[in-house]
Amino acid sequence: MSLRMIPIKPTFQKMERLSRDLARDFGKKVSFVTNGDDTELDRTVVEEIGDPLVHMVRNALDHGLETPAARVAAGKTEVGSVHLRAYHQGSNIVIELHDDGRGIDPDRILRKAVEEGLVPAGTQLSRDEILALIFAPGFSTAEKVTAVSGRGVGMDVVKRNIEKLRGKIEISSEVGRGSTFK
């Protein structure tokens, strides 16, 4: 078993590089911090977790973090924070991605889901059920389609890949304060 265990550090380093490149492309300032990159996982898990993490980091920088001007207007620092960490919790390994951006607006998600016909108008959903809608195939809240977002491909693939590893995704988000994906 120990022969199959490798640290997640190289994957985290790729995410750090990706965040730097995307921040430059989006005209945003970001402080990307990692913790627990010495956490060891099965080789297969490390290989499979890379693609979902790419989508998650892209979303954090594109949808989550505001532009420096918008952050200052909201009373935040000009530099956004994205935190990626891995740690053991009981017999599980948790990979957590947190940003201090705008958070996920459940009303906006529900409005968009009704517009796209994913949810009938007037349906009452809990906050968690609304947040889970972002994993629906083809669903996107992006205003315009870009090379990074708006195509509706990504979060459904993330969920499918995580479930293939017998994992699950939990979302916590507060509008104006940021989001955490575990």
N, C-alpha and C. Protein backbone atom coordinates (compact mmCIF):
# COMPACT_ATOMS: atom_id res chain seq x y z
N MET A 1 0.82 -1.20 0.00
CA MET A 1 0.00 0.00 0.00
C MET A 1 0.86 1.26 0.00
N SER A 2 1.93 1.25 0.80
CA SER A 2 2.76 2.45 0.88
C SER A 2 3.46 2.76 -0.45
N LEU A 3 3.65 1.74 -1.29
CA LEU A 3 4.25 1.97 -2.60
C LEU A 3 3.33 2.79 -3.51
N ARG A 4 2.04 2.70 -3.28
CA ARG A 4 1.07 3.42 -4.10
C ARG A 4 0.83 4.85 -3.62
N MET A 5 1.30 5.18 -2.43
CA MET A 5 1.04 6.51 -1.86
C MET A 5 2.06 7.53 -2.35
N ILE A 6 1.55 8.66 -2.85
CA ILE A 6 2.42 9.75 -3.30
C ILE A 6 1.86 11.07 -2.77
N PRO A 7 2.73 12.05 -2.55
CA PRO A 7 2.25 13.35 -2.05
C PRO A 7 1.47 14.11 -3.13
N ILE A 8 0.55 14.95 -2.69
CA ILE A 8 -0.28 15.71 -3.62
C ILE A 8 0.41 17.01 -4.05
N LYS A 9 1.60 17.24 -3.55
CA LYS A 9 2.34 18.49 -3.81
C LYS A 9 2.46 18.85 -5.30
N PRO A 10 2.87 17.93 -6.19
CA PRO A 10 2.98 18.33 -7.61
C PRO A 10 1.65 18.82 -8.19
N THR A 11 0.55 18.22 -7.79
CA THR A 11 -0.77 18.65 -8.27
C THR A 11 -1.09 20.04 -7.74
N PHE A 12 -0.80 20.28 -6.47
CA PHE A 12 -1.04 21.59 -5.88
C PHE A 12 -0.18 22.66 -6.56
N GLN A 13 1.06 22.30 -6.91
CA GLN A 13 1.94 23.26 -7.59
C GLN A 13 1.38 23.64 -8.96
N LYS A 14 0.79 22.67 -9.66
CA LYS A 14 0.15 22.97 -10.96
C LYS A 14 -1.00 23.95 -10.77
N MET A 15 -1.76 23.77 -9.70
CA MET A 15 -2.90 24.66 -9.43
C MET A 15 -2.43 26.08 -9.10
N GLU A 16 -1.30 26.16 -8.42
CA GLU A 16 -0.74 27.46 -8.09
C GLU A 16 -0.32 28.20 -9.37
N ARG A 17 0.32 27.48 -10.26
CA ARG A 17 0.73 28.05 -11.54
C ARG A 17 -0.49 28.47 -12.36
N LEU A 18 -1.50 27.60 -12.38
CA LEU A 18 -2.74 27.89 -13.10
C LEU A 18 -3.40 29.16 -12.56
N SER A 19 -3.45 29.29 -11.24
CA SER A 19 -4.10 30.47 -10.65
C SER A 19 -3.35 31.75 -11.01
N ARG A 20 -2.03 31.67 -11.02
CA ARG A 20 -1.23 32.84 -11.38
C ARG A 20 -1.52 33.26 -12.83
N ASP A 21 -1.55 32.27 -13.73
CA ASP A 21 -1.81 32.56 -15.14
C ASP A 21 -3.21 33.12 -15.35
N LEU A 22 -4.21 32.49 -14.71
CA LEU A 22 -5.59 32.95 -14.86
C LEU A 22 -5.79 34.34 -14.27
N ALA A 23 -5.18 34.60 -13.13
CA ALA A 23 -5.31 35.92 -12.50
C ALA A 23 -4.78 36.99 -13.45
N ARG A 24 -3.67 36.70 -14.08
CA ARG A 24 -3.10 37.65 -15.05
C ARG A 24 -4.06 37.85 -16.22
N ASP A 25 -4.61 36.74 -16.75
CA ASP A 25 -5.53 36.82 -17.89
C ASP A 25 -6.81 37.58 -17.55
N PHE A 26 -7.30 37.41 -16.32
CA PHE A 26 -8.56 38.05 -15.90
C PHE A 26 -8.35 39.45 -15.34
N GLY A 27 -7.10 39.87 -15.17
CA GLY A 27 -6.83 41.18 -14.60
C GLY A 27 -7.18 41.24 -13.11
N LYS A 28 -6.99 40.12 -12.43
CA LYS A 28 -7.30 40.04 -11.00
C LYS A 28 -6.01 39.81 -10.23
N LYS A 29 -6.04 40.18 -8.96
CA LYS A 29 -4.88 39.93 -8.09
C LYS A 29 -5.27 38.84 -7.12
N VAL A 30 -4.40 37.83 -7.00
CA VAL A 30 -4.74 36.70 -6.14
C VAL A 30 -3.54 36.25 -5.32
N SER A 31 -3.84 35.87 -4.10
CA SER A 31 -2.87 35.24 -3.23
C SER A 31 -3.30 33.78 -3.13
N PHE A 32 -2.52 32.88 -3.73
CA PHE A 32 -2.86 31.46 -3.75
C PHE A 32 -2.02 30.76 -2.68
N VAL A 33 -2.68 30.17 -1.72
CA VAL A 33 -1.99 29.54 -0.59
C VAL A 33 -2.36 28.06 -0.55
N THR A 34 -1.34 27.21 -0.31
CA THR A 34 -1.61 25.78 -0.17
C THR A 34 -1.16 25.32 1.22
N ASN A 35 -1.87 24.33 1.72
CA ASN A 35 -1.50 23.67 2.98
C ASN A 35 -1.70 22.18 2.80
N GLY A 36 -0.88 21.41 3.47
CA GLY A 36 -1.05 19.96 3.44
C GLY A 36 -0.60 19.31 2.15
N ASP A 37 0.28 20.01 1.41
CA ASP A 37 0.71 19.42 0.14
C ASP A 37 1.63 18.22 0.33
N ASP A 38 1.99 17.93 1.57
CA ASP A 38 2.75 16.71 1.85
C ASP A 38 1.81 15.54 2.14
N THR A 39 0.49 15.79 2.13
CA THR A 39 -0.50 14.73 2.33
C THR A 39 -0.36 13.70 1.23
N GLU A 40 -0.31 12.44 1.61
CA GLU A 40 -0.14 11.38 0.62
C GLU A 40 -1.47 10.72 0.31
N LEU A 41 -1.67 10.48 -0.98
CA LEU A 41 -2.87 9.81 -1.47
C LEU A 41 -2.44 8.69 -2.40
N ASP A 42 -3.36 7.81 -2.66
CA ASP A 42 -3.12 6.75 -3.63
C ASP A 42 -2.81 7.39 -4.99
N ARG A 43 -1.86 6.82 -5.69
CA ARG A 43 -1.43 7.34 -6.99
C ARG A 43 -2.62 7.60 -7.93
N THR A 44 -3.57 6.69 -7.98
CA THR A 44 -4.74 6.83 -8.85
C THR A 44 -5.56 8.06 -8.47
N VAL A 45 -5.73 8.28 -7.19
CA VAL A 45 -6.51 9.43 -6.72
C VAL A 45 -5.81 10.73 -7.12
N VAL A 46 -4.52 10.80 -6.94
CA VAL A 46 -3.77 12.00 -7.30
C VAL A 46 -3.91 12.27 -8.80
N GLU A 47 -3.82 11.22 -9.62
CA GLU A 47 -3.96 11.39 -11.06
C GLU A 47 -5.36 11.85 -11.44
N GLU A 48 -6.38 11.30 -10.79
CA GLU A 48 -7.77 11.59 -11.12
C GLU A 48 -8.25 12.93 -10.56
N ILE A 49 -7.63 13.42 -9.51
CA ILE A 49 -8.10 14.64 -8.85
C ILE A 49 -7.64 15.90 -9.58
N GLY A 50 -6.65 15.78 -10.45
CA GLY A 50 -6.10 16.93 -11.15
C GLY A 50 -7.11 17.70 -11.97
N ASP A 51 -7.86 17.00 -12.85
CA ASP A 51 -8.85 17.68 -13.70
C ASP A 51 -9.94 18.37 -12.90
N PRO A 52 -10.55 17.70 -11.91
CA PRO A 52 -11.55 18.42 -11.11
C PRO A 52 -10.98 19.66 -10.43
N LEU A 53 -9.75 19.57 -9.94
CA LEU A 53 -9.15 20.73 -9.29
C LEU A 53 -8.93 21.89 -10.27
N VAL A 54 -8.58 21.56 -11.51
CA VAL A 54 -8.41 22.61 -12.53
C VAL A 54 -9.73 23.38 -12.69
N HIS A 55 -10.85 22.65 -12.83
CA HIS A 55 -12.15 23.30 -12.98
C HIS A 55 -12.49 24.15 -11.76
N MET A 56 -12.19 23.62 -10.58
CA MET A 56 -12.53 24.32 -9.35
C MET A 56 -11.70 25.61 -9.21
N VAL A 57 -10.42 25.54 -9.51
CA VAL A 57 -9.57 26.72 -9.42
C VAL A 57 -10.00 27.75 -10.46
N ARG A 58 -10.31 27.30 -11.67
CA ARG A 58 -10.81 28.22 -12.70
C ARG A 58 -12.06 28.94 -12.24
N ASN A 59 -13.00 28.18 -11.67
CA ASN A 59 -14.24 28.79 -11.19
C ASN A 59 -13.98 29.77 -10.06
N ALA A 60 -13.07 29.42 -9.15
CA ALA A 60 -12.77 30.32 -8.04
C ALA A 60 -12.25 31.65 -8.56
N LEU A 61 -11.40 31.61 -9.57
CA LEU A 61 -10.84 32.85 -10.10
C LEU A 61 -11.80 33.58 -11.04
N ASP A 62 -12.57 32.86 -11.81
CA ASP A 62 -13.47 33.49 -12.78
C ASP A 62 -14.77 33.95 -12.11
N HIS A 63 -15.47 33.04 -11.47
CA HIS A 63 -16.77 33.35 -10.86
C HIS A 63 -16.65 33.88 -9.44
N GLY A 64 -15.68 33.36 -8.69
CA GLY A 64 -15.59 33.70 -7.28
C GLY A 64 -14.97 35.05 -7.00
N LEU A 65 -13.72 35.22 -7.38
CA LEU A 65 -13.00 36.46 -7.05
C LEU A 65 -13.47 37.62 -7.92
N GLU A 66 -13.61 38.77 -7.28
CA GLU A 66 -13.98 39.97 -7.99
C GLU A 66 -12.73 40.66 -8.55
N THR A 67 -12.94 41.65 -9.40
CA THR A 67 -11.81 42.45 -9.89
C THR A 67 -11.30 43.29 -8.72
N PRO A 68 -10.05 43.76 -8.79
CA PRO A 68 -9.52 44.58 -7.69
C PRO A 68 -10.42 45.78 -7.35
N ALA A 69 -10.95 46.45 -8.36
CA ALA A 69 -11.81 47.62 -8.11
C ALA A 69 -13.09 47.21 -7.39
N ALA A 70 -13.70 46.10 -7.81
CA ALA A 70 -14.94 45.63 -7.17
C ALA A 70 -14.67 45.19 -5.73
N ARG A 71 -13.51 44.59 -5.49
CA ARG A 71 -13.16 44.16 -4.12
C ARG A 71 -13.01 45.38 -3.21
N VAL A 72 -12.33 46.40 -3.70
CA VAL A 72 -12.13 47.61 -2.89
C VAL A 72 -13.49 48.27 -2.62
N ALA A 73 -14.36 48.31 -3.63
CA ALA A 73 -15.70 48.90 -3.47
C ALA A 73 -16.52 48.12 -2.44
N ALA A 74 -16.26 46.82 -2.32
CA ALA A 74 -16.99 45.98 -1.35
C ALA A 74 -16.32 45.99 0.03
N GLY A 75 -15.27 46.81 0.18
CA GLY A 75 -14.59 46.92 1.47
C GLY A 75 -13.59 45.81 1.74
N LYS A 76 -13.14 45.15 0.69
CA LYS A 76 -12.15 44.08 0.83
C LYS A 76 -10.80 44.58 0.35
N THR A 77 -9.77 43.77 0.60
CA THR A 77 -8.45 44.11 0.06
C THR A 77 -8.46 43.90 -1.45
N GLU A 78 -7.57 44.57 -2.12
CA GLU A 78 -7.48 44.49 -3.58
C GLU A 78 -7.12 43.06 -4.04
N VAL A 79 -6.35 42.35 -3.21
CA VAL A 79 -5.86 41.02 -3.57
C VAL A 79 -6.81 39.96 -3.00
N GLY A 80 -7.36 39.14 -3.90
CA GLY A 80 -8.23 38.05 -3.47
C GLY A 80 -7.42 36.88 -2.95
N SER A 81 -8.06 36.05 -2.18
CA SER A 81 -7.37 34.91 -1.57
C SER A 81 -8.03 33.61 -2.02
N VAL A 82 -7.21 32.68 -2.48
CA VAL A 82 -7.66 31.33 -2.79
C VAL A 82 -6.78 30.39 -1.98
N HIS A 83 -7.42 29.51 -1.23
CA HIS A 83 -6.70 28.63 -0.32
C HIS A 83 -7.03 27.18 -0.70
N LEU A 84 -6.02 26.40 -1.01
CA LEU A 84 -6.18 24.98 -1.35
C LEU A 84 -5.45 24.17 -0.29
N ARG A 85 -6.17 23.26 0.34
CA ARG A 85 -5.50 22.45 1.36
C ARG A 85 -6.01 21.02 1.34
N ALA A 86 -5.15 20.15 1.85
CA ALA A 86 -5.48 18.73 1.97
C ALA A 86 -5.18 18.31 3.40
N TYR A 87 -6.07 17.48 3.95
CA TYR A 87 -5.84 17.01 5.31
C TYR A 87 -6.62 15.73 5.56
N HIS A 88 -6.20 15.01 6.59
CA HIS A 88 -6.89 13.78 6.98
C HIS A 88 -8.01 14.14 7.95
N GLN A 89 -9.15 13.51 7.75
CA GLN A 89 -10.27 13.66 8.67
C GLN A 89 -10.83 12.27 8.90
N GLY A 90 -10.47 11.69 10.01
CA GLY A 90 -10.84 10.29 10.26
C GLY A 90 -10.12 9.41 9.25
N SER A 91 -10.86 8.55 8.58
CA SER A 91 -10.26 7.68 7.57
C SER A 91 -10.33 8.29 6.17
N ASN A 92 -10.78 9.52 6.08
CA ASN A 92 -10.92 10.21 4.79
C ASN A 92 -9.82 11.25 4.60
N ILE A 93 -9.60 11.58 3.34
CA ILE A 93 -8.72 12.69 3.02
C ILE A 93 -9.61 13.77 2.41
N VAL A 94 -9.50 14.97 2.95
CA VAL A 94 -10.31 16.09 2.49
C VAL A 94 -9.44 17.04 1.68
N ILE A 95 -9.93 17.43 0.53
CA ILE A 95 -9.28 18.47 -0.26
C ILE A 95 -10.26 19.63 -0.28
N GLU A 96 -9.79 20.78 0.15
CA GLU A 96 -10.67 21.92 0.35
C GLU A 96 -10.16 23.11 -0.45
N LEU A 97 -11.06 23.75 -1.19
CA LEU A 97 -10.71 24.94 -1.95
C LEU A 97 -11.60 26.07 -1.45
N HIS A 98 -10.98 27.13 -0.95
CA HIS A 98 -11.74 28.26 -0.40
C HIS A 98 -11.30 29.55 -1.08
N ASP A 99 -12.28 30.39 -1.43
CA ASP A 99 -11.95 31.72 -1.93
C ASP A 99 -12.72 32.75 -1.11
N ASP A 100 -12.18 33.97 -1.05
CA ASP A 100 -12.84 35.04 -0.30
C ASP A 100 -13.54 36.01 -1.24
N GLY A 101 -14.10 35.47 -2.31
CA GLY A 101 -14.74 36.28 -3.34
C GLY A 101 -16.18 36.61 -3.04
N ARG A 102 -16.98 36.64 -4.11
CA ARG A 102 -18.36 37.10 -3.99
C ARG A 102 -19.31 36.05 -3.46
N GLY A 103 -18.88 34.81 -3.40
CA GLY A 103 -19.77 33.75 -2.91
C GLY A 103 -20.78 33.33 -3.99
N ILE A 104 -21.56 32.34 -3.68
CA ILE A 104 -22.56 31.84 -4.63
C ILE A 104 -23.92 32.37 -4.19
N ASP A 105 -24.57 33.09 -5.08
CA ASP A 105 -25.88 33.67 -4.79
C ASP A 105 -26.97 32.65 -5.12
N PRO A 106 -27.62 32.07 -4.11
CA PRO A 106 -28.63 31.04 -4.37
C PRO A 106 -29.80 31.56 -5.20
N ASP A 107 -30.17 32.84 -5.03
CA ASP A 107 -31.28 33.40 -5.81
C ASP A 107 -30.92 33.44 -7.29
N ARG A 108 -29.69 33.82 -7.59
CA ARG A 108 -29.23 33.88 -8.99
C ARG A 108 -29.19 32.47 -9.59
N ILE A 109 -28.72 31.50 -8.82
CA ILE A 109 -28.66 30.11 -9.30
C ILE A 109 -30.07 29.61 -9.62
N LEU A 110 -31.00 29.84 -8.69
CA LEU A 110 -32.37 29.37 -8.89
C LEU A 110 -33.02 30.06 -10.08
N ARG A 111 -32.82 31.38 -10.21
CA ARG A 111 -33.38 32.12 -11.35
C ARG A 111 -32.88 31.53 -12.67
N LYS A 112 -31.58 31.29 -12.74
CA LYS A 112 -30.97 30.74 -13.96
C LYS A 112 -31.49 29.33 -14.23
N ALA A 113 -31.64 28.52 -13.18
CA ALA A 113 -32.13 27.14 -13.33
C ALA A 113 -33.57 27.14 -13.84
N VAL A 114 -34.39 28.08 -13.39
CA VAL A 114 -35.77 28.19 -13.87
C VAL A 114 -35.77 28.63 -15.33
N GLU A 115 -34.92 29.62 -15.67
CA GLU A 115 -34.80 30.09 -17.06
C GLU A 115 -34.43 28.96 -18.00
N GLU A 116 -33.53 28.08 -17.56
CA GLU A 116 -33.05 26.98 -18.41
C GLU A 116 -33.94 25.75 -18.34
N GLY A 117 -35.00 25.81 -17.55
CA GLY A 117 -35.93 24.69 -17.47
C GLY A 117 -35.46 23.53 -16.61
N LEU A 118 -34.43 23.74 -15.80
CA LEU A 118 -33.96 22.68 -14.90
C LEU A 118 -34.91 22.48 -13.73
N VAL A 119 -35.55 23.57 -13.33
CA VAL A 119 -36.45 23.55 -12.18
C VAL A 119 -37.74 24.27 -12.58
N PRO A 120 -38.91 23.67 -12.30
CA PRO A 120 -40.17 24.37 -12.60
C PRO A 120 -40.30 25.65 -11.77
N ALA A 121 -40.88 26.69 -12.35
CA ALA A 121 -41.06 27.96 -11.63
C ALA A 121 -41.92 27.72 -10.39
N GLY A 122 -41.57 28.39 -9.31
CA GLY A 122 -42.34 28.28 -8.08
C GLY A 122 -41.91 27.14 -7.18
N THR A 123 -40.93 26.36 -7.60
CA THR A 123 -40.46 25.24 -6.78
C THR A 123 -39.70 25.76 -5.57
N GLN A 124 -40.01 25.19 -4.41
CA GLN A 124 -39.31 25.57 -3.19
C GLN A 124 -38.16 24.59 -2.96
N LEU A 125 -36.94 25.10 -2.95
CA LEU A 125 -35.76 24.28 -2.72
C LEU A 125 -34.99 24.81 -1.52
N SER A 126 -34.32 23.91 -0.81
CA SER A 126 -33.45 24.34 0.28
C SER A 126 -32.19 24.97 -0.31
N ARG A 127 -31.46 25.70 0.52
CA ARG A 127 -30.22 26.33 0.06
C ARG A 127 -29.26 25.30 -0.51
N ASP A 128 -29.10 24.15 0.17
CA ASP A 128 -28.20 23.10 -0.31
C ASP A 128 -28.66 22.53 -1.65
N GLU A 129 -29.97 22.37 -1.83
CA GLU A 129 -30.50 21.86 -3.10
C GLU A 129 -30.23 22.86 -4.23
N ILE A 130 -30.35 24.15 -3.92
CA ILE A 130 -30.07 25.18 -4.93
C ILE A 130 -28.59 25.16 -5.30
N LEU A 131 -27.71 25.09 -4.29
CA LEU A 131 -26.26 25.06 -4.57
C LEU A 131 -25.89 23.81 -5.38
N ALA A 132 -26.60 22.71 -5.16
CA ALA A 132 -26.32 21.47 -5.90
C ALA A 132 -26.67 21.61 -7.39
N LEU A 133 -27.48 22.59 -7.75
CA LEU A 133 -27.85 22.80 -9.15
C LEU A 133 -26.64 23.16 -10.02
N ILE A 134 -25.58 23.70 -9.42
CA ILE A 134 -24.41 24.06 -10.23
C ILE A 134 -23.74 22.82 -10.83
N PHE A 135 -24.09 21.63 -10.32
CA PHE A 135 -23.52 20.39 -10.85
C PHE A 135 -24.34 19.81 -11.99
N ALA A 136 -25.43 20.47 -12.37
CA ALA A 136 -26.28 19.96 -13.46
C ALA A 136 -25.53 20.10 -14.79
N PRO A 137 -25.59 19.07 -15.64
CA PRO A 137 -24.92 19.15 -16.94
C PRO A 137 -25.46 20.32 -17.77
N GLY A 138 -24.55 21.09 -18.34
CA GLY A 138 -24.93 22.20 -19.20
C GLY A 138 -25.28 23.48 -18.46
N PHE A 139 -25.24 23.46 -17.13
CA PHE A 139 -25.62 24.64 -16.35
C PHE A 139 -24.44 25.58 -16.19
N SER A 140 -24.69 26.88 -16.42
CA SER A 140 -23.67 27.89 -16.21
C SER A 140 -24.33 29.21 -15.88
N THR A 141 -23.72 29.98 -14.99
CA THR A 141 -24.23 31.31 -14.66
C THR A 141 -23.40 32.40 -15.32
N ALA A 142 -22.42 32.01 -16.11
CA ALA A 142 -21.55 33.00 -16.76
C ALA A 142 -22.38 33.87 -17.69
N GLU A 143 -22.10 35.17 -17.67
CA GLU A 143 -22.81 36.11 -18.52
C GLU A 143 -22.46 35.90 -20.00
N LYS A 144 -21.20 35.58 -20.25
CA LYS A 144 -20.79 35.34 -21.64
C LYS A 144 -19.84 34.15 -21.68
N VAL A 145 -19.84 33.48 -22.80
CA VAL A 145 -19.01 32.30 -22.98
C VAL A 145 -17.58 32.76 -23.27
N THR A 146 -16.64 32.21 -22.51
CA THR A 146 -15.22 32.50 -22.73
C THR A 146 -14.48 31.17 -22.87
N ALA A 147 -13.18 31.25 -23.05
CA ALA A 147 -12.37 30.03 -23.14
C ALA A 147 -12.37 29.28 -21.82
N VAL A 148 -12.67 29.99 -20.71
CA VAL A 148 -12.59 29.38 -19.39
C VAL A 148 -13.95 28.96 -18.86
N SER A 149 -14.99 29.75 -19.15
CA SER A 149 -16.29 29.42 -18.56
C SER A 149 -17.44 29.80 -19.48
N GLY A 150 -18.63 29.35 -19.06
CA GLY A 150 -19.85 29.71 -19.77
C GLY A 150 -20.37 28.64 -20.71
N ARG A 151 -19.63 27.55 -20.87
CA ARG A 151 -20.06 26.50 -21.79
C ARG A 151 -20.94 25.47 -21.11
N GLY A 152 -21.01 25.51 -19.78
CA GLY A 152 -21.81 24.52 -19.06
C GLY A 152 -21.11 23.18 -18.93
N VAL A 153 -19.82 23.18 -19.16
CA VAL A 153 -19.04 21.95 -19.00
C VAL A 153 -18.09 22.22 -17.85
N GLY A 154 -18.03 21.34 -16.91
CA GLY A 154 -17.09 21.57 -15.81
C GLY A 154 -17.57 21.00 -14.51
N MET A 155 -18.55 21.65 -13.90
CA MET A 155 -18.95 21.22 -12.57
C MET A 155 -19.62 19.84 -12.58
N ASP A 156 -20.35 19.52 -13.64
CA ASP A 156 -20.92 18.16 -13.72
C ASP A 156 -19.82 17.13 -13.87
N VAL A 157 -18.77 17.49 -14.61
CA VAL A 157 -17.62 16.59 -14.79
C VAL A 157 -16.86 16.46 -13.46
N VAL A 158 -16.74 17.57 -12.74
CA VAL A 158 -16.08 17.54 -11.43
C VAL A 158 -16.80 16.56 -10.52
N LYS A 159 -18.12 16.69 -10.44
CA LYS A 159 -18.90 15.82 -9.57
C LYS A 159 -18.76 14.36 -9.98
N ARG A 160 -18.85 14.11 -11.27
CA ARG A 160 -18.74 12.73 -11.77
C ARG A 160 -17.38 12.13 -11.44
N ASN A 161 -16.31 12.90 -11.63
CA ASN A 161 -14.96 12.39 -11.34
C ASN A 161 -14.74 12.15 -9.86
N ILE A 162 -15.29 13.03 -9.02
CA ILE A 162 -15.15 12.85 -7.57
C ILE A 162 -15.93 11.61 -7.13
N GLU A 163 -17.13 11.43 -7.67
CA GLU A 163 -17.93 10.26 -7.30
C GLU A 163 -17.29 8.97 -7.81
N LYS A 164 -16.60 9.05 -8.95
CA LYS A 164 -15.89 7.88 -9.47
C LYS A 164 -14.81 7.42 -8.49
N LEU A 165 -14.27 8.37 -7.72
CA LEU A 165 -13.26 8.05 -6.71
C LEU A 165 -13.92 7.69 -5.37
N ARG A 166 -15.22 7.52 -5.38
CA ARG A 166 -16.03 7.25 -4.18
C ARG A 166 -15.97 8.40 -3.19
N GLY A 167 -15.90 9.61 -3.73
CA GLY A 167 -15.89 10.80 -2.89
C GLY A 167 -17.19 11.57 -3.03
N LYS A 168 -17.29 12.67 -2.32
CA LYS A 168 -18.46 13.54 -2.43
C LYS A 168 -17.99 14.99 -2.31
N ILE A 169 -18.83 15.90 -2.76
CA ILE A 169 -18.51 17.32 -2.71
C ILE A 169 -19.50 18.02 -1.80
N GLU A 170 -18.97 18.85 -0.93
CA GLU A 170 -19.80 19.68 -0.06
C GLU A 170 -19.47 21.14 -0.37
N ILE A 171 -20.52 21.97 -0.44
CA ILE A 171 -20.34 23.39 -0.72
C ILE A 171 -20.85 24.20 0.45
N SER A 172 -20.07 25.17 0.86
CA SER A 172 -20.59 26.18 1.79
C SER A 172 -20.22 27.53 1.19
N SER A 173 -21.17 28.44 1.19
CA SER A 173 -20.94 29.73 0.57
C SER A 173 -21.76 30.80 1.26
N GLU A 174 -21.17 31.97 1.34
CA GLU A 174 -21.87 33.11 1.90
C GLU A 174 -21.69 34.27 0.90
N VAL A 175 -22.81 34.83 0.46
CA VAL A 175 -22.77 35.90 -0.53
C VAL A 175 -21.93 37.06 0.00
N GLY A 176 -20.98 37.48 -0.82
CA GLY A 176 -20.11 38.59 -0.46
C GLY A 176 -18.91 38.21 0.38
N ARG A 177 -18.86 36.95 0.84
CA ARG A 177 -17.77 36.54 1.74
C ARG A 177 -16.94 35.39 1.19
N GLY A 178 -17.45 34.67 0.19
CA GLY A 178 -16.66 33.60 -0.40
C GLY A 178 -17.33 32.25 -0.36
N SER A 179 -16.62 31.25 -0.89
CA SER A 179 -17.13 29.89 -0.99
C SER A 179 -16.06 28.89 -0.60
N THR A 180 -16.52 27.74 -0.11
CA THR A 180 -15.63 26.64 0.21
C THR A 180 -16.19 25.38 -0.42
N PHE A 181 -15.35 24.69 -1.17
CA PHE A 181 -15.72 23.40 -1.75
C PHE A 181 -14.85 22.36 -1.08
N LYS A 182 -15.47 21.32 -0.49
CA LYS A 182 -14.73 20.22 0.12
C LYS A 182 -15.00 18.97 -0.68
